[in-house]
């Protein structure tokens, strides 16, 4: 909602607003934490991760780092052309 409000407010000045909110992204830290939390109960860290995502993520899974990187590719021309990105 913040990005939508900012986009509406700043478009009159020629400023575009983009936001990327990836939610759960499977990183080495998530894997490490899941392994630690499940070590006492048999170590099924992958099931822990799957259940966590199914219960809390709208897409029902963790995103990969590669998926998130793909969202940034269209923004690269703005960076190269010296537009400000916050």
N, C-alpha and C. Protein backbone atom coordinates (compact mmCIF):
# COMPACT_ATOMS: atom_id res chain seq x y z
N UNK A 1 0.82 -1.19 0.00
CA UNK A 1 0.00 0.00 0.00
C UNK A 1 0.87 1.26 0.00
N UNK A 2 1.99 1.20 0.71
CA UNK A 2 2.88 2.36 0.74
C UNK A 2 3.39 2.68 -0.66
N UNK A 3 3.82 1.66 -1.40
CA UNK A 3 4.34 1.93 -2.74
C UNK A 3 3.25 2.44 -3.67
N UNK A 4 2.02 1.95 -3.52
CA UNK A 4 0.92 2.44 -4.34
C UNK A 4 0.65 3.92 -4.05
N UNK A 5 0.64 4.27 -2.79
CA UNK A 5 0.44 5.68 -2.42
C UNK A 5 1.57 6.56 -2.92
N UNK A 6 2.79 6.07 -2.79
CA UNK A 6 3.93 6.85 -3.27
C UNK A 6 3.87 7.03 -4.79
N UNK A 7 3.50 5.97 -5.50
CA UNK A 7 3.40 6.05 -6.96
C UNK A 7 2.36 7.08 -7.37
N UNK A 8 1.23 7.08 -6.70
CA UNK A 8 0.17 8.04 -7.00
C UNK A 8 0.63 9.47 -6.70
N UNK A 9 1.32 9.66 -5.61
CA UNK A 9 1.78 10.98 -5.20
C UNK A 9 2.87 11.54 -6.11
N UNK A 10 3.82 10.71 -6.50
CA UNK A 10 5.01 11.19 -7.20
C UNK A 10 4.92 11.17 -8.72
N UNK A 11 3.90 10.50 -9.28
CA UNK A 11 3.83 10.42 -10.74
C UNK A 11 3.69 11.80 -11.38
N UNK A 12 3.08 12.74 -10.68
CA UNK A 12 2.93 14.09 -11.23
C UNK A 12 4.28 14.78 -11.42
N UNK A 13 5.30 14.31 -10.71
CA UNK A 13 6.66 14.84 -10.84
C UNK A 13 7.51 13.98 -11.77
N UNK A 14 6.87 13.02 -12.43
CA UNK A 14 7.61 12.15 -13.35
C UNK A 14 8.41 11.07 -12.65
N UNK A 15 8.06 10.81 -11.40
CA UNK A 15 8.79 9.80 -10.63
C UNK A 15 7.95 8.53 -10.55
N UNK A 16 8.52 7.43 -10.96
CA UNK A 16 7.86 6.15 -10.88
C UNK A 16 8.33 5.41 -9.63
N UNK A 17 7.44 4.67 -9.05
CA UNK A 17 7.76 3.92 -7.83
C UNK A 17 7.54 2.43 -8.10
N UNK A 18 8.54 1.64 -7.82
CA UNK A 18 8.44 0.19 -7.92
C UNK A 18 8.80 -0.41 -6.57
N UNK A 19 8.15 -1.51 -6.23
CA UNK A 19 8.47 -2.19 -4.98
C UNK A 19 8.48 -3.70 -5.22
N UNK A 20 9.43 -4.34 -4.61
CA UNK A 20 9.51 -5.80 -4.67
C UNK A 20 9.49 -6.30 -3.24
N UNK A 21 8.49 -7.08 -2.92
CA UNK A 21 8.34 -7.65 -1.58
C UNK A 21 8.23 -9.16 -1.74
N UNK A 22 9.36 -9.85 -1.71
CA UNK A 22 9.36 -11.26 -2.09
C UNK A 22 8.79 -12.24 -1.06
N UNK A 23 8.58 -11.79 0.16
CA UNK A 23 8.10 -12.75 1.16
C UNK A 23 9.20 -13.72 1.55
N UNK A 24 8.86 -15.00 1.65
CA UNK A 24 9.83 -16.01 2.06
C UNK A 24 10.75 -16.37 0.89
N UNK A 25 12.05 -16.21 1.10
CA UNK A 25 13.04 -16.58 0.10
C UNK A 25 13.97 -17.60 0.75
N UNK A 26 14.11 -18.75 0.10
CA UNK A 26 14.93 -19.82 0.66
C UNK A 26 16.41 -19.46 0.54
N UNK A 27 16.99 -19.10 1.66
CA UNK A 27 18.40 -18.71 1.74
C UNK A 27 19.13 -19.72 2.63
N UNK A 28 20.45 -19.69 2.60
CA UNK A 28 21.20 -20.58 3.49
C UNK A 28 20.85 -20.38 4.97
N UNK A 29 20.51 -19.17 5.37
CA UNK A 29 20.13 -18.93 6.77
C UNK A 29 18.83 -19.64 7.13
N UNK A 30 17.84 -19.64 6.22
CA UNK A 30 16.60 -20.36 6.48
C UNK A 30 16.88 -21.86 6.64
N UNK A 31 17.72 -22.39 5.77
CA UNK A 31 18.04 -23.82 5.82
C UNK A 31 18.76 -24.14 7.12
N UNK A 32 19.73 -23.32 7.49
CA UNK A 32 20.47 -23.54 8.74
C UNK A 32 19.52 -23.51 9.94
N UNK A 33 18.64 -22.53 9.99
CA UNK A 33 17.70 -22.42 11.10
C UNK A 33 16.75 -23.61 11.13
N UNK A 34 16.25 -24.01 9.99
CA UNK A 34 15.34 -25.16 9.92
C UNK A 34 16.04 -26.43 10.40
N UNK A 35 17.28 -26.60 10.03
CA UNK A 35 18.04 -27.78 10.48
C UNK A 35 18.24 -27.76 11.99
N UNK A 36 18.52 -26.58 12.54
CA UNK A 36 18.69 -26.47 13.99
C UNK A 36 17.39 -26.76 14.73
N UNK A 37 16.28 -26.24 14.21
CA UNK A 37 15.00 -26.41 14.88
C UNK A 37 14.46 -27.83 14.80
N UNK A 38 14.87 -28.57 13.78
CA UNK A 38 14.36 -29.93 13.61
C UNK A 38 15.35 -31.01 14.03
N UNK A 39 16.53 -30.64 14.44
CA UNK A 39 17.54 -31.64 14.78
C UNK A 39 17.12 -32.56 15.93
N UNK A 40 16.36 -32.04 16.89
CA UNK A 40 15.94 -32.84 18.04
C UNK A 40 14.78 -33.78 17.72
N UNK A 41 14.12 -33.53 16.58
CA UNK A 41 12.94 -34.34 16.27
C UNK A 41 13.12 -35.19 15.02
N UNK A 42 14.33 -35.43 14.62
CA UNK A 42 14.57 -36.29 13.47
C UNK A 42 15.20 -35.60 12.28
N UNK A 43 15.25 -34.29 12.30
CA UNK A 43 15.99 -33.55 11.28
C UNK A 43 15.32 -33.42 9.93
N UNK A 44 13.99 -33.49 9.85
CA UNK A 44 13.32 -33.31 8.57
C UNK A 44 13.10 -31.82 8.30
N UNK A 45 14.20 -31.15 8.00
CA UNK A 45 14.15 -29.70 7.83
C UNK A 45 13.36 -29.30 6.59
N UNK A 46 13.39 -30.14 5.55
CA UNK A 46 12.67 -29.80 4.33
C UNK A 46 11.15 -29.80 4.55
N UNK A 47 10.67 -30.74 5.34
CA UNK A 47 9.24 -30.75 5.67
C UNK A 47 8.89 -29.54 6.51
N UNK A 48 9.79 -29.15 7.41
CA UNK A 48 9.57 -27.96 8.22
C UNK A 48 9.42 -26.72 7.33
N UNK A 49 10.33 -26.57 6.38
CA UNK A 49 10.29 -25.44 5.44
C UNK A 49 9.01 -25.48 4.62
N UNK A 50 8.65 -26.66 4.11
CA UNK A 50 7.44 -26.79 3.30
C UNK A 50 6.20 -26.41 4.09
N UNK A 51 6.09 -26.90 5.32
CA UNK A 51 4.93 -26.59 6.16
C UNK A 51 4.87 -25.11 6.51
N UNK A 52 6.01 -24.53 6.81
CA UNK A 52 6.07 -23.11 7.13
C UNK A 52 5.55 -22.27 5.96
N UNK A 53 5.98 -22.62 4.76
CA UNK A 53 5.55 -21.88 3.58
C UNK A 53 4.07 -22.10 3.29
N UNK A 54 3.60 -23.33 3.41
CA UNK A 54 2.19 -23.62 3.14
C UNK A 54 1.27 -22.88 4.09
N UNK A 55 1.71 -22.70 5.32
CA UNK A 55 0.89 -22.03 6.32
C UNK A 55 0.98 -20.49 6.26
N UNK A 56 2.08 -19.96 5.73
CA UNK A 56 2.32 -18.52 5.85
C UNK A 56 2.56 -17.75 4.56
N UNK A 57 2.86 -18.43 3.48
CA UNK A 57 3.19 -17.73 2.23
C UNK A 57 2.01 -17.85 1.26
N UNK A 58 1.59 -16.75 0.66
CA UNK A 58 0.48 -16.80 -0.28
C UNK A 58 0.68 -17.81 -1.42
N UNK A 59 1.91 -17.99 -1.87
CA UNK A 59 2.15 -18.94 -2.96
C UNK A 59 2.40 -20.35 -2.44
N UNK A 60 2.44 -20.50 -1.12
CA UNK A 60 2.57 -21.82 -0.52
C UNK A 60 3.94 -22.45 -0.60
N UNK A 61 4.93 -21.66 -0.91
CA UNK A 61 6.31 -22.17 -0.99
C UNK A 61 7.27 -21.01 -0.82
N UNK A 62 8.53 -21.35 -0.61
CA UNK A 62 9.58 -20.35 -0.58
C UNK A 62 9.97 -20.00 -2.01
N UNK A 63 10.34 -18.77 -2.25
CA UNK A 63 10.88 -18.36 -3.54
C UNK A 63 12.37 -18.68 -3.55
N UNK A 64 12.92 -18.80 -4.73
CA UNK A 64 14.37 -18.99 -4.85
C UNK A 64 15.03 -17.63 -5.06
N UNK A 65 16.30 -17.58 -4.79
CA UNK A 65 17.06 -16.34 -5.02
C UNK A 65 17.02 -15.95 -6.49
N UNK A 66 17.03 -16.95 -7.38
CA UNK A 66 17.00 -16.69 -8.81
C UNK A 66 15.68 -16.04 -9.24
N UNK A 67 14.58 -16.49 -8.64
CA UNK A 67 13.28 -15.89 -8.97
C UNK A 67 13.25 -14.41 -8.59
N UNK A 68 13.80 -14.10 -7.43
CA UNK A 68 13.80 -12.71 -6.99
C UNK A 68 14.71 -11.87 -7.88
N UNK A 69 15.85 -12.42 -8.27
CA UNK A 69 16.77 -11.69 -9.15
C UNK A 69 16.09 -11.34 -10.47
N UNK A 70 15.23 -12.23 -10.97
CA UNK A 70 14.54 -11.98 -12.23
C UNK A 70 13.65 -10.73 -12.17
N UNK A 71 13.16 -10.39 -10.99
CA UNK A 71 12.34 -9.19 -10.87
C UNK A 71 13.16 -7.91 -11.02
N UNK A 72 14.44 -7.99 -10.69
CA UNK A 72 15.28 -6.80 -10.75
C UNK A 72 15.79 -6.50 -12.15
N UNK A 73 15.81 -7.47 -13.02
CA UNK A 73 16.37 -7.28 -14.37
C UNK A 73 15.72 -6.12 -15.10
N UNK A 74 14.38 -5.98 -15.09
CA UNK A 74 13.80 -4.82 -15.79
C UNK A 74 14.18 -3.46 -15.20
N UNK A 75 14.65 -3.43 -13.96
CA UNK A 75 15.04 -2.16 -13.34
C UNK A 75 16.45 -1.74 -13.72
N UNK A 76 17.23 -2.64 -14.28
CA UNK A 76 18.63 -2.34 -14.60
C UNK A 76 18.76 -1.16 -15.56
N UNK A 77 17.95 -1.05 -16.62
CA UNK A 77 18.10 0.13 -17.49
C UNK A 77 17.92 1.45 -16.74
N UNK A 78 17.06 1.49 -15.74
CA UNK A 78 16.88 2.72 -14.96
C UNK A 78 18.15 3.06 -14.18
N UNK A 79 18.82 2.05 -13.69
CA UNK A 79 20.08 2.28 -12.95
C UNK A 79 21.15 2.79 -13.90
N UNK A 80 21.23 2.15 -15.06
CA UNK A 80 22.25 2.53 -16.04
C UNK A 80 22.02 3.94 -16.57
N UNK A 81 20.75 4.35 -16.69
CA UNK A 81 20.45 5.66 -17.24
C UNK A 81 20.48 6.77 -16.19
N UNK A 82 20.97 6.45 -15.00
CA UNK A 82 21.16 7.44 -13.93
C UNK A 82 19.84 7.92 -13.31
N UNK A 83 18.81 7.10 -13.37
CA UNK A 83 17.59 7.41 -12.64
C UNK A 83 17.81 6.99 -11.20
N UNK A 84 17.15 7.65 -10.29
CA UNK A 84 17.32 7.33 -8.88
C UNK A 84 16.42 6.17 -8.47
N UNK A 85 17.01 5.23 -7.80
CA UNK A 85 16.26 4.10 -7.29
C UNK A 85 16.56 3.99 -5.81
N UNK A 86 15.52 4.00 -5.02
CA UNK A 86 15.66 3.89 -3.56
C UNK A 86 15.18 2.56 -3.10
